N, C-alpha and C. Protein backbone atom coordinates (compact mmCIF):
# COMPACT_ATOMS: atom_id res chain seq x y z
N MET A 1 -20.58 3.65 -10.85
CA MET A 1 -20.89 2.23 -10.82
C MET A 1 -19.75 1.42 -11.44
N TYR A 2 -19.63 0.16 -11.00
CA TYR A 2 -18.51 -0.67 -11.41
C TYR A 2 -19.03 -2.07 -11.70
N ALA A 3 -18.63 -2.63 -12.85
CA ALA A 3 -19.01 -3.99 -13.20
C ALA A 3 -17.79 -4.88 -12.96
N PRO A 4 -17.75 -5.60 -11.84
CA PRO A 4 -16.55 -6.38 -11.51
C PRO A 4 -16.33 -7.52 -12.47
N GLN A 5 -15.06 -7.87 -12.67
CA GLN A 5 -14.69 -8.95 -13.56
C GLN A 5 -13.90 -9.99 -12.77
N GLY A 6 -13.86 -11.19 -13.30
CA GLY A 6 -13.00 -12.21 -12.71
C GLY A 6 -13.76 -13.29 -12.00
N GLU A 7 -13.04 -14.35 -11.71
CA GLU A 7 -13.64 -15.53 -11.07
C GLU A 7 -14.13 -15.19 -9.67
N GLY A 8 -15.32 -15.66 -9.36
CA GLY A 8 -15.88 -15.45 -8.04
C GLY A 8 -16.58 -14.12 -7.85
N ARG A 9 -16.58 -13.26 -8.88
CA ARG A 9 -17.23 -11.95 -8.77
C ARG A 9 -18.65 -12.04 -9.31
N GLU A 10 -19.56 -11.43 -8.60
CA GLU A 10 -20.94 -11.41 -9.03
C GLU A 10 -21.13 -10.42 -10.17
N PRO A 11 -21.91 -10.78 -11.19
CA PRO A 11 -22.13 -9.85 -12.29
C PRO A 11 -23.03 -8.70 -11.86
N GLY A 12 -23.00 -7.65 -12.64
CA GLY A 12 -23.86 -6.50 -12.36
C GLY A 12 -23.07 -5.31 -11.87
N ALA A 13 -23.75 -4.17 -11.73
CA ALA A 13 -23.09 -2.93 -11.33
C ALA A 13 -23.00 -2.83 -9.81
N ILE A 14 -21.88 -2.32 -9.34
CA ILE A 14 -21.64 -2.11 -7.91
C ILE A 14 -21.26 -0.65 -7.71
N GLU A 15 -21.80 -0.03 -6.67
CA GLU A 15 -21.54 1.39 -6.43
C GLU A 15 -20.11 1.64 -6.01
N VAL A 16 -19.48 2.64 -6.63
CA VAL A 16 -18.18 3.15 -6.21
C VAL A 16 -18.38 4.63 -5.91
N ALA A 17 -18.30 5.00 -4.65
CA ALA A 17 -18.60 6.38 -4.26
C ALA A 17 -17.42 7.30 -4.55
N CYS A 18 -17.69 8.59 -4.48
CA CYS A 18 -16.73 9.62 -4.89
C CYS A 18 -16.18 10.36 -3.67
N TRP A 19 -14.86 10.29 -3.50
CA TRP A 19 -14.24 10.98 -2.37
C TRP A 19 -14.29 12.50 -2.53
N ALA A 20 -14.39 12.99 -3.77
CA ALA A 20 -14.50 14.44 -3.97
C ALA A 20 -15.79 14.96 -3.36
N HIS A 21 -16.88 14.17 -3.47
CA HIS A 21 -18.15 14.58 -2.87
C HIS A 21 -18.05 14.58 -1.34
N ALA A 22 -17.42 13.54 -0.79
CA ALA A 22 -17.25 13.48 0.66
C ALA A 22 -16.38 14.64 1.14
N ARG A 23 -15.32 14.92 0.41
CA ARG A 23 -14.42 16.02 0.79
C ARG A 23 -15.15 17.36 0.77
N ARG A 24 -16.02 17.57 -0.22
CA ARG A 24 -16.73 18.83 -0.34
C ARG A 24 -17.61 19.09 0.88
N LYS A 25 -18.20 18.03 1.43
CA LYS A 25 -19.06 18.20 2.59
C LYS A 25 -18.25 18.65 3.81
N PHE A 26 -17.05 18.10 3.97
CA PHE A 26 -16.21 18.54 5.08
C PHE A 26 -15.69 19.96 4.84
N PHE A 27 -15.42 20.28 3.59
CA PHE A 27 -15.00 21.64 3.26
C PHE A 27 -16.11 22.64 3.59
N ASP A 28 -17.35 22.29 3.28
CA ASP A 28 -18.48 23.17 3.57
C ASP A 28 -18.68 23.35 5.08
N ALA A 29 -18.18 22.41 5.87
CA ALA A 29 -18.31 22.50 7.33
C ALA A 29 -17.22 23.35 7.96
N MET A 30 -16.28 23.81 7.14
CA MET A 30 -15.13 24.56 7.67
C MET A 30 -15.56 25.82 8.42
N SER A 31 -16.54 26.55 7.88
CA SER A 31 -16.92 27.82 8.49
C SER A 31 -17.60 27.66 9.84
N SER A 32 -18.24 26.51 10.05
CA SER A 32 -18.95 26.30 11.31
C SER A 32 -18.19 25.39 12.28
N ASP A 33 -17.20 24.69 11.78
CA ASP A 33 -16.42 23.80 12.66
C ASP A 33 -14.96 23.83 12.20
N GLY A 34 -14.29 24.92 12.57
CA GLY A 34 -12.92 25.12 12.14
C GLY A 34 -11.90 24.24 12.82
N ARG A 35 -12.34 23.44 13.80
CA ARG A 35 -11.42 22.52 14.47
C ARG A 35 -11.43 21.14 13.81
N ARG A 36 -12.65 20.63 13.58
CA ARG A 36 -12.74 19.26 13.06
C ARG A 36 -12.54 19.18 11.54
N ALA A 37 -13.09 20.15 10.82
CA ALA A 37 -13.05 20.07 9.35
C ALA A 37 -11.62 19.95 8.81
N PRO A 38 -10.64 20.74 9.30
CA PRO A 38 -9.28 20.59 8.77
C PRO A 38 -8.69 19.21 9.02
N ILE A 39 -9.09 18.58 10.12
CA ILE A 39 -8.57 17.24 10.41
C ILE A 39 -9.11 16.24 9.40
N ALA A 40 -10.43 16.31 9.14
CA ALA A 40 -11.03 15.42 8.15
C ALA A 40 -10.40 15.64 6.78
N LEU A 41 -10.22 16.89 6.40
CA LEU A 41 -9.64 17.19 5.10
C LEU A 41 -8.20 16.71 5.00
N ALA A 42 -7.48 16.72 6.12
CA ALA A 42 -6.10 16.25 6.12
C ALA A 42 -6.04 14.74 5.85
N TYR A 43 -6.97 13.99 6.43
CA TYR A 43 -7.03 12.55 6.15
C TYR A 43 -7.29 12.31 4.66
N ILE A 44 -8.23 13.04 4.11
CA ILE A 44 -8.58 12.85 2.69
C ILE A 44 -7.41 13.29 1.81
N ARG A 45 -6.70 14.33 2.24
CA ARG A 45 -5.54 14.79 1.47
C ARG A 45 -4.47 13.69 1.40
N GLU A 46 -4.33 12.92 2.47
CA GLU A 46 -3.37 11.82 2.45
C GLU A 46 -3.76 10.76 1.43
N LEU A 47 -5.05 10.48 1.31
CA LEU A 47 -5.52 9.51 0.31
C LEU A 47 -5.22 10.00 -1.10
N TYR A 48 -5.42 11.27 -1.32
CA TYR A 48 -5.15 11.83 -2.65
C TYR A 48 -3.66 11.89 -2.95
N ALA A 49 -2.83 12.01 -1.91
CA ALA A 49 -1.38 11.99 -2.12
C ALA A 49 -0.94 10.63 -2.66
N ILE A 50 -1.57 9.58 -2.20
CA ILE A 50 -1.29 8.24 -2.73
C ILE A 50 -1.70 8.18 -4.19
N GLU A 51 -2.87 8.73 -4.50
CA GLU A 51 -3.36 8.70 -5.89
C GLU A 51 -2.45 9.49 -6.82
N LYS A 52 -1.85 10.55 -6.33
CA LYS A 52 -0.94 11.34 -7.15
C LYS A 52 0.26 10.51 -7.56
N ARG A 53 0.77 9.69 -6.63
CA ARG A 53 1.91 8.84 -6.95
C ARG A 53 1.51 7.63 -7.79
N ALA A 54 0.24 7.26 -7.71
CA ALA A 54 -0.24 6.08 -8.45
C ALA A 54 -0.75 6.43 -9.85
N ARG A 55 -0.80 7.72 -10.17
CA ARG A 55 -1.46 8.16 -11.40
C ARG A 55 -0.88 7.51 -12.65
N ASP A 56 0.43 7.39 -12.73
CA ASP A 56 1.06 6.88 -13.94
C ASP A 56 1.38 5.39 -13.89
N LEU A 57 0.90 4.71 -12.85
CA LEU A 57 1.13 3.27 -12.73
C LEU A 57 0.05 2.51 -13.47
N ASP A 58 0.35 1.26 -13.84
CA ASP A 58 -0.70 0.43 -14.43
C ASP A 58 -1.64 -0.03 -13.32
N ALA A 59 -2.74 -0.64 -13.70
CA ALA A 59 -3.79 -0.98 -12.74
C ALA A 59 -3.28 -1.90 -11.63
N GLU A 60 -2.44 -2.86 -12.00
CA GLU A 60 -1.95 -3.82 -11.00
C GLU A 60 -1.07 -3.14 -9.96
N LYS A 61 -0.16 -2.28 -10.41
CA LYS A 61 0.72 -1.59 -9.47
C LYS A 61 -0.03 -0.55 -8.65
N ARG A 62 -1.03 0.09 -9.27
CA ARG A 62 -1.85 1.06 -8.53
C ARG A 62 -2.61 0.36 -7.41
N HIS A 63 -3.16 -0.81 -7.73
CA HIS A 63 -3.88 -1.60 -6.72
C HIS A 63 -2.95 -1.97 -5.57
N ALA A 64 -1.71 -2.36 -5.91
CA ALA A 64 -0.76 -2.76 -4.87
C ALA A 64 -0.37 -1.59 -3.99
N LEU A 65 -0.11 -0.44 -4.59
CA LEU A 65 0.27 0.74 -3.82
C LEU A 65 -0.85 1.17 -2.88
N ARG A 66 -2.07 1.20 -3.40
CA ARG A 66 -3.20 1.54 -2.55
C ARG A 66 -3.32 0.56 -1.39
N GLY A 67 -3.17 -0.72 -1.70
CA GLY A 67 -3.32 -1.74 -0.66
C GLY A 67 -2.28 -1.64 0.43
N GLN A 68 -1.11 -1.13 0.09
CA GLN A 68 -0.05 -0.98 1.08
C GLN A 68 -0.25 0.23 1.99
N GLU A 69 -0.80 1.31 1.44
CA GLU A 69 -0.80 2.57 2.18
C GLU A 69 -2.17 3.10 2.60
N ALA A 70 -3.20 2.91 1.75
CA ALA A 70 -4.49 3.53 2.04
C ALA A 70 -5.24 2.92 3.23
N PRO A 71 -5.23 1.58 3.45
CA PRO A 71 -6.02 1.03 4.56
C PRO A 71 -5.68 1.63 5.91
N ARG A 72 -4.42 1.91 6.15
CA ARG A 72 -4.01 2.50 7.43
C ARG A 72 -4.66 3.88 7.61
N ILE A 73 -4.64 4.68 6.56
CA ILE A 73 -5.23 6.03 6.63
C ILE A 73 -6.74 5.94 6.80
N LEU A 74 -7.37 5.05 6.04
CA LEU A 74 -8.82 4.90 6.12
C LEU A 74 -9.25 4.41 7.50
N ALA A 75 -8.49 3.48 8.08
CA ALA A 75 -8.84 2.98 9.42
C ALA A 75 -8.74 4.09 10.46
N ALA A 76 -7.69 4.91 10.36
CA ALA A 76 -7.52 6.01 11.30
C ALA A 76 -8.62 7.05 11.12
N PHE A 77 -8.96 7.32 9.88
CA PHE A 77 -10.01 8.31 9.60
C PHE A 77 -11.35 7.82 10.13
N LYS A 78 -11.66 6.55 9.90
CA LYS A 78 -12.93 6.02 10.37
C LYS A 78 -13.00 6.04 11.90
N ALA A 79 -11.89 5.70 12.55
CA ALA A 79 -11.86 5.73 14.02
C ALA A 79 -12.09 7.16 14.52
N TRP A 80 -11.49 8.14 13.83
CA TRP A 80 -11.68 9.54 14.21
C TRP A 80 -13.14 9.95 14.02
N LEU A 81 -13.74 9.55 12.91
CA LEU A 81 -15.15 9.87 12.66
C LEU A 81 -16.04 9.27 13.75
N GLU A 82 -15.77 8.04 14.12
CA GLU A 82 -16.57 7.37 15.16
C GLU A 82 -16.44 8.10 16.50
N GLU A 83 -15.25 8.62 16.78
CA GLU A 83 -15.02 9.34 18.03
C GLU A 83 -15.71 10.70 18.03
N GLU A 84 -15.73 11.38 16.88
CA GLU A 84 -16.26 12.73 16.83
C GLU A 84 -17.77 12.77 16.59
N ALA A 85 -18.33 11.73 16.00
CA ALA A 85 -19.76 11.73 15.64
C ALA A 85 -20.68 12.07 16.82
N PRO A 86 -20.47 11.49 18.02
CA PRO A 86 -21.39 11.80 19.13
C PRO A 86 -21.25 13.23 19.66
N LYS A 87 -20.19 13.94 19.25
CA LYS A 87 -19.90 15.26 19.80
C LYS A 87 -20.49 16.40 18.96
N VAL A 88 -21.07 16.07 17.81
CA VAL A 88 -21.58 17.12 16.93
C VAL A 88 -23.08 16.95 16.74
N LEU A 89 -23.75 18.05 16.44
CA LEU A 89 -25.19 17.98 16.17
C LEU A 89 -25.42 17.28 14.83
N PRO A 90 -26.35 16.32 14.79
CA PRO A 90 -26.57 15.56 13.55
C PRO A 90 -26.91 16.43 12.34
N LYS A 91 -27.63 17.55 12.57
CA LYS A 91 -28.06 18.40 11.47
C LYS A 91 -27.07 19.53 11.15
N SER A 92 -25.97 19.59 11.89
CA SER A 92 -24.96 20.60 11.61
C SER A 92 -24.18 20.18 10.36
N PRO A 93 -23.50 21.11 9.68
CA PRO A 93 -22.71 20.74 8.50
C PRO A 93 -21.71 19.61 8.78
N MET A 94 -21.06 19.66 9.95
CA MET A 94 -20.11 18.60 10.27
C MET A 94 -20.84 17.29 10.54
N GLY A 95 -21.97 17.37 11.24
CA GLY A 95 -22.75 16.16 11.50
C GLY A 95 -23.22 15.51 10.22
N GLU A 96 -23.65 16.32 9.27
CA GLU A 96 -24.11 15.78 7.99
C GLU A 96 -22.94 15.21 7.18
N ALA A 97 -21.77 15.84 7.27
CA ALA A 97 -20.59 15.33 6.57
C ALA A 97 -20.18 13.97 7.11
N ILE A 98 -20.21 13.84 8.44
CA ILE A 98 -19.84 12.56 9.06
C ILE A 98 -20.87 11.49 8.72
N THR A 99 -22.15 11.86 8.78
CA THR A 99 -23.21 10.90 8.44
C THR A 99 -23.08 10.43 7.00
N TYR A 100 -22.77 11.35 6.10
CA TYR A 100 -22.58 10.99 4.68
C TYR A 100 -21.42 10.02 4.53
N ALA A 101 -20.31 10.30 5.19
CA ALA A 101 -19.13 9.43 5.08
C ALA A 101 -19.43 8.04 5.60
N PHE A 102 -20.11 7.95 6.75
CA PHE A 102 -20.47 6.64 7.29
C PHE A 102 -21.42 5.90 6.36
N GLY A 103 -22.41 6.61 5.84
CA GLY A 103 -23.40 5.97 4.97
C GLY A 103 -22.81 5.47 3.67
N GLN A 104 -21.74 6.11 3.22
CA GLN A 104 -21.12 5.75 1.94
C GLN A 104 -19.81 4.98 2.12
N TRP A 105 -19.48 4.60 3.35
CA TRP A 105 -18.12 4.10 3.63
C TRP A 105 -17.74 2.89 2.76
N GLN A 106 -18.62 1.92 2.66
CA GLN A 106 -18.29 0.75 1.85
C GLN A 106 -18.04 1.14 0.40
N ALA A 107 -18.89 2.00 -0.14
CA ALA A 107 -18.71 2.44 -1.52
C ALA A 107 -17.50 3.36 -1.66
N LEU A 108 -17.21 4.15 -0.64
CA LEU A 108 -16.05 5.04 -0.68
C LEU A 108 -14.73 4.26 -0.69
N THR A 109 -14.72 3.12 -0.06
CA THR A 109 -13.48 2.33 0.01
C THR A 109 -13.39 1.26 -1.09
N ARG A 110 -14.39 1.18 -1.93
CA ARG A 110 -14.40 0.14 -2.96
C ARG A 110 -13.32 0.36 -4.02
N TYR A 111 -12.86 1.59 -4.18
CA TYR A 111 -11.83 1.85 -5.18
C TYR A 111 -10.54 1.08 -4.89
N LEU A 112 -10.40 0.59 -3.65
CA LEU A 112 -9.23 -0.21 -3.29
C LEU A 112 -9.26 -1.61 -3.90
N GLU A 113 -10.43 -2.04 -4.36
CA GLU A 113 -10.58 -3.42 -4.83
C GLU A 113 -9.98 -3.67 -6.20
N ASP A 114 -9.82 -2.61 -7.00
CA ASP A 114 -9.36 -2.81 -8.36
C ASP A 114 -8.62 -1.56 -8.82
N GLY A 115 -7.45 -1.75 -9.42
CA GLY A 115 -6.63 -0.62 -9.85
C GLY A 115 -7.23 0.19 -10.96
N ILE A 116 -8.24 -0.33 -11.65
CA ILE A 116 -8.86 0.45 -12.73
C ILE A 116 -9.83 1.49 -12.19
N LEU A 117 -10.20 1.37 -10.92
CA LEU A 117 -11.17 2.28 -10.33
C LEU A 117 -10.51 3.58 -9.90
N GLU A 118 -11.29 4.66 -9.93
CA GLU A 118 -10.80 5.98 -9.55
C GLU A 118 -11.26 6.30 -8.13
N ILE A 119 -10.51 7.16 -7.46
CA ILE A 119 -10.89 7.57 -6.11
C ILE A 119 -12.09 8.51 -6.14
N ASP A 120 -12.32 9.16 -7.27
CA ASP A 120 -13.49 10.03 -7.42
C ASP A 120 -13.98 9.96 -8.85
N ASN A 121 -15.09 10.62 -9.13
CA ASN A 121 -15.64 10.59 -10.48
C ASN A 121 -15.43 11.92 -11.21
N ASN A 122 -14.38 12.65 -10.81
CA ASN A 122 -14.11 13.95 -11.43
C ASN A 122 -13.88 13.83 -12.94
N ARG A 123 -13.19 12.76 -13.35
CA ARG A 123 -12.93 12.60 -14.78
C ARG A 123 -14.23 12.41 -15.55
N ALA A 124 -15.12 11.59 -14.98
CA ALA A 124 -16.41 11.36 -15.64
C ALA A 124 -17.23 12.64 -15.70
N GLU A 125 -17.20 13.43 -14.62
CA GLU A 125 -17.95 14.67 -14.60
C GLU A 125 -17.40 15.67 -15.62
N ARG A 126 -16.08 15.69 -15.77
CA ARG A 126 -15.49 16.58 -16.78
C ARG A 126 -15.91 16.16 -18.18
N ALA A 127 -15.97 14.84 -18.40
CA ALA A 127 -16.38 14.34 -19.71
C ALA A 127 -17.84 14.69 -20.01
N LEU A 128 -18.67 14.70 -18.97
CA LEU A 128 -20.09 15.00 -19.16
C LEU A 128 -20.37 16.50 -19.24
N ARG A 129 -19.38 17.30 -18.85
CA ARG A 129 -19.60 18.74 -18.83
C ARG A 129 -19.91 19.28 -20.22
N ARG A 130 -19.24 18.72 -21.23
CA ARG A 130 -19.49 19.19 -22.59
C ARG A 130 -20.94 18.90 -23.01
N VAL A 131 -21.50 17.81 -22.48
CA VAL A 131 -22.90 17.50 -22.77
C VAL A 131 -23.82 18.51 -22.08
N ALA A 132 -23.50 18.83 -20.83
CA ALA A 132 -24.33 19.78 -20.08
C ALA A 132 -24.28 21.17 -20.70
N ILE A 133 -23.08 21.57 -21.15
CA ILE A 133 -22.94 22.90 -21.74
C ILE A 133 -23.77 23.01 -23.01
N GLY A 134 -23.81 21.95 -23.80
CA GLY A 134 -24.51 22.03 -25.08
C GLY A 134 -25.91 21.48 -25.09
N ARG A 135 -26.47 21.17 -23.92
CA ARG A 135 -27.75 20.47 -23.89
C ARG A 135 -28.88 21.25 -24.58
N LYS A 136 -28.83 22.59 -24.50
CA LYS A 136 -29.89 23.37 -25.14
C LYS A 136 -29.78 23.31 -26.66
N ASN A 137 -28.57 23.06 -27.15
CA ASN A 137 -28.37 22.98 -28.60
C ASN A 137 -28.84 21.64 -29.17
N TRP A 138 -28.83 20.61 -28.34
CA TRP A 138 -29.29 19.30 -28.81
C TRP A 138 -30.23 18.68 -27.76
N MET A 139 -31.21 19.48 -27.39
CA MET A 139 -32.15 19.07 -26.34
C MET A 139 -32.91 17.80 -26.72
N PHE A 140 -33.20 17.63 -28.01
CA PHE A 140 -33.99 16.47 -28.42
C PHE A 140 -33.15 15.59 -29.34
N ALA A 141 -32.97 14.34 -28.95
CA ALA A 141 -32.18 13.41 -29.76
C ALA A 141 -33.00 12.84 -30.91
N GLY A 142 -34.32 13.04 -30.87
CA GLY A 142 -35.18 12.56 -31.95
C GLY A 142 -35.88 11.26 -31.63
N SER A 143 -35.20 10.39 -30.91
CA SER A 143 -35.78 9.09 -30.55
C SER A 143 -34.87 8.44 -29.52
N ASP A 144 -35.35 7.34 -28.94
CA ASP A 144 -34.51 6.59 -27.99
C ASP A 144 -33.26 6.09 -28.68
N GLU A 145 -33.42 5.65 -29.92
CA GLU A 145 -32.26 5.16 -30.67
C GLU A 145 -31.26 6.29 -30.93
N GLY A 146 -31.78 7.50 -31.21
CA GLY A 146 -30.90 8.64 -31.40
C GLY A 146 -30.12 8.97 -30.13
N GLY A 147 -30.79 8.87 -28.98
CA GLY A 147 -30.11 9.10 -27.72
C GLY A 147 -29.02 8.08 -27.46
N HIS A 148 -29.30 6.82 -27.82
CA HIS A 148 -28.30 5.76 -27.65
C HIS A 148 -27.08 6.03 -28.52
N ARG A 149 -27.31 6.43 -29.76
CA ARG A 149 -26.20 6.73 -30.66
C ARG A 149 -25.40 7.94 -30.17
N ALA A 150 -26.11 8.94 -29.64
CA ALA A 150 -25.41 10.11 -29.11
C ALA A 150 -24.51 9.71 -27.94
N ALA A 151 -25.00 8.83 -27.08
CA ALA A 151 -24.20 8.37 -25.93
C ALA A 151 -22.93 7.67 -26.40
N ILE A 152 -23.05 6.89 -27.47
CA ILE A 152 -21.87 6.20 -28.01
C ILE A 152 -20.86 7.23 -28.52
N LEU A 153 -21.34 8.24 -29.25
CA LEU A 153 -20.44 9.25 -29.79
C LEU A 153 -19.77 10.04 -28.67
N TYR A 154 -20.54 10.39 -27.63
CA TYR A 154 -19.94 11.09 -26.49
C TYR A 154 -18.83 10.25 -25.88
N SER A 155 -19.08 8.94 -25.75
CA SER A 155 -18.09 8.04 -25.15
C SER A 155 -16.83 7.97 -26.00
N VAL A 156 -17.01 7.92 -27.32
CA VAL A 156 -15.85 7.87 -28.22
C VAL A 156 -15.02 9.14 -28.10
N ILE A 157 -15.68 10.30 -28.14
CA ILE A 157 -14.96 11.57 -28.05
C ILE A 157 -14.27 11.71 -26.70
N ALA A 158 -14.95 11.31 -25.63
CA ALA A 158 -14.35 11.39 -24.30
C ALA A 158 -13.14 10.46 -24.20
N SER A 159 -13.22 9.27 -24.83
CA SER A 159 -12.09 8.34 -24.83
C SER A 159 -10.90 8.95 -25.55
N CYS A 160 -11.17 9.63 -26.67
CA CYS A 160 -10.09 10.31 -27.40
C CYS A 160 -9.43 11.37 -26.52
N ALA A 161 -10.25 12.10 -25.77
CA ALA A 161 -9.70 13.14 -24.89
C ALA A 161 -8.81 12.54 -23.82
N VAL A 162 -9.26 11.44 -23.22
CA VAL A 162 -8.47 10.78 -22.17
C VAL A 162 -7.15 10.26 -22.73
N LEU A 163 -7.20 9.71 -23.94
CA LEU A 163 -6.01 9.14 -24.57
C LEU A 163 -5.15 10.19 -25.26
N LYS A 164 -5.62 11.45 -25.28
CA LYS A 164 -4.90 12.57 -25.88
C LYS A 164 -4.62 12.34 -27.37
N ILE A 165 -5.67 11.91 -28.08
CA ILE A 165 -5.57 11.78 -29.52
C ILE A 165 -6.60 12.71 -30.16
N ASP A 166 -6.31 13.14 -31.37
CA ASP A 166 -7.18 14.07 -32.09
C ASP A 166 -8.45 13.33 -32.53
N PRO A 167 -9.62 13.69 -32.01
CA PRO A 167 -10.83 12.95 -32.38
C PRO A 167 -11.16 13.04 -33.86
N TYR A 168 -10.83 14.18 -34.49
CA TYR A 168 -11.10 14.32 -35.92
C TYR A 168 -10.24 13.34 -36.72
N ALA A 169 -8.95 13.26 -36.38
CA ALA A 169 -8.05 12.34 -37.09
C ALA A 169 -8.49 10.89 -36.87
N TYR A 170 -8.88 10.59 -35.64
CA TYR A 170 -9.33 9.23 -35.34
C TYR A 170 -10.58 8.87 -36.12
N LEU A 171 -11.60 9.72 -36.04
CA LEU A 171 -12.87 9.41 -36.71
C LEU A 171 -12.72 9.38 -38.23
N ARG A 172 -11.91 10.28 -38.77
CA ARG A 172 -11.70 10.29 -40.21
C ARG A 172 -11.09 8.98 -40.69
N ASP A 173 -10.08 8.51 -39.98
CA ASP A 173 -9.42 7.27 -40.36
C ASP A 173 -10.35 6.07 -40.18
N VAL A 174 -11.01 6.00 -39.03
CA VAL A 174 -11.86 4.85 -38.72
C VAL A 174 -13.06 4.76 -39.67
N LEU A 175 -13.69 5.89 -39.95
CA LEU A 175 -14.86 5.87 -40.83
C LEU A 175 -14.49 5.47 -42.26
N GLN A 176 -13.26 5.75 -42.66
CA GLN A 176 -12.80 5.33 -43.98
C GLN A 176 -12.53 3.82 -44.02
N ARG A 177 -12.11 3.29 -42.89
CA ARG A 177 -11.75 1.86 -42.84
C ARG A 177 -12.92 0.95 -42.50
N LEU A 178 -13.95 1.49 -41.87
CA LEU A 178 -15.07 0.67 -41.42
C LEU A 178 -15.74 -0.15 -42.52
N PRO A 179 -16.04 0.41 -43.71
CA PRO A 179 -16.77 -0.37 -44.71
C PRO A 179 -16.09 -1.68 -45.12
N SER A 180 -14.76 -1.71 -45.08
CA SER A 180 -14.04 -2.91 -45.51
C SER A 180 -13.45 -3.69 -44.34
N CYS A 181 -13.79 -3.30 -43.13
CA CYS A 181 -13.21 -3.95 -41.96
C CYS A 181 -13.99 -5.21 -41.58
N PRO A 182 -13.36 -6.39 -41.51
CA PRO A 182 -14.05 -7.60 -41.07
C PRO A 182 -14.54 -7.45 -39.63
N PRO A 183 -15.68 -8.01 -39.29
CA PRO A 183 -16.20 -7.88 -37.92
C PRO A 183 -15.19 -8.28 -36.85
N ALA A 184 -14.39 -9.30 -37.15
CA ALA A 184 -13.42 -9.77 -36.16
C ALA A 184 -12.33 -8.75 -35.87
N ASP A 185 -12.13 -7.79 -36.78
CA ASP A 185 -11.08 -6.79 -36.60
C ASP A 185 -11.58 -5.47 -36.04
N LEU A 186 -12.86 -5.38 -35.73
CA LEU A 186 -13.42 -4.12 -35.22
C LEU A 186 -12.76 -3.70 -33.90
N LYS A 187 -12.32 -4.70 -33.13
CA LYS A 187 -11.68 -4.38 -31.85
C LYS A 187 -10.41 -3.56 -32.04
N ASN A 188 -9.84 -3.62 -33.24
CA ASN A 188 -8.63 -2.86 -33.52
C ASN A 188 -8.90 -1.40 -33.85
N LEU A 189 -10.18 -1.03 -33.91
CA LEU A 189 -10.54 0.34 -34.26
C LEU A 189 -11.01 1.17 -33.06
N THR A 190 -10.94 0.60 -31.86
CA THR A 190 -11.26 1.40 -30.67
C THR A 190 -10.20 2.49 -30.50
N PRO A 191 -10.51 3.58 -29.83
CA PRO A 191 -9.50 4.63 -29.65
C PRO A 191 -8.19 4.13 -29.05
N LYS A 192 -8.27 3.25 -28.05
CA LYS A 192 -7.06 2.75 -27.41
C LYS A 192 -6.22 1.92 -28.37
N ALA A 193 -6.88 1.01 -29.12
CA ALA A 193 -6.16 0.17 -30.08
C ALA A 193 -5.61 1.02 -31.23
N TRP A 194 -6.38 2.00 -31.67
CA TRP A 194 -5.95 2.88 -32.76
C TRP A 194 -4.69 3.65 -32.37
N LYS A 195 -4.67 4.17 -31.14
CA LYS A 195 -3.49 4.90 -30.69
C LYS A 195 -2.28 3.99 -30.60
N ALA A 196 -2.47 2.76 -30.07
CA ALA A 196 -1.36 1.82 -29.95
C ALA A 196 -0.77 1.51 -31.32
N ALA A 197 -1.64 1.30 -32.33
CA ALA A 197 -1.17 1.02 -33.68
C ALA A 197 -0.43 2.22 -34.26
N LEU A 198 -0.92 3.42 -33.97
CA LEU A 198 -0.29 4.64 -34.47
C LEU A 198 1.10 4.80 -33.88
N LEU A 199 1.23 4.56 -32.56
CA LEU A 199 2.52 4.66 -31.90
C LEU A 199 3.49 3.62 -32.42
N ALA A 200 3.00 2.40 -32.69
CA ALA A 200 3.85 1.34 -33.23
C ALA A 200 4.38 1.72 -34.60
N THR A 201 3.53 2.36 -35.40
CA THR A 201 3.95 2.80 -36.74
C THR A 201 5.03 3.87 -36.64
N GLN A 202 4.89 4.78 -35.70
CA GLN A 202 5.86 5.85 -35.54
C GLN A 202 7.20 5.33 -35.07
N VAL A 203 7.18 4.29 -34.22
CA VAL A 203 8.41 3.70 -33.73
C VAL A 203 9.16 3.00 -34.87
N ASN A 204 8.38 2.27 -35.71
CA ASN A 204 8.99 1.54 -36.81
C ASN A 204 9.41 2.50 -37.94
């Protein structure tokens, strides 16, 4: 889900679909349709090739690169899907893969609207994996409030992982500074701001 920002954008969450899920369905159709499945996967591979080059760009440049190259591939892929859809059985693996892609098309292409969006939710799933692995160890949060606090902590630790900072060092420093930190300065204690301050100190 995506909460759009900016003038003229409606508030609230908007679905952003995952190309990894769409790709998996075409991959699963490989054994029963060895002619069409590789073609579909090749189109998706081209989209991911753009993402590989956009990985280290900022959001604005990533948005621009996608806008220059992805629409052409997506248009060709959609035209191919429309041509092949009547030729396959609806309940076959390929038919279901095509139906899924059509049903999710608007959400699948929404990542083009903003450079902060990802082409898939693999990063989010990796972040949640640690929760799934340990769920039996902390099956009960104790209360709704406990669950809310746990979600915040998971988000903080996952943010540290994405930013490649030591969560123990971050939490130790922040928890020591929190009691004397003015409310207006709390924004400087987020993982991203903390890392930026740390890097600035190292440079100086």
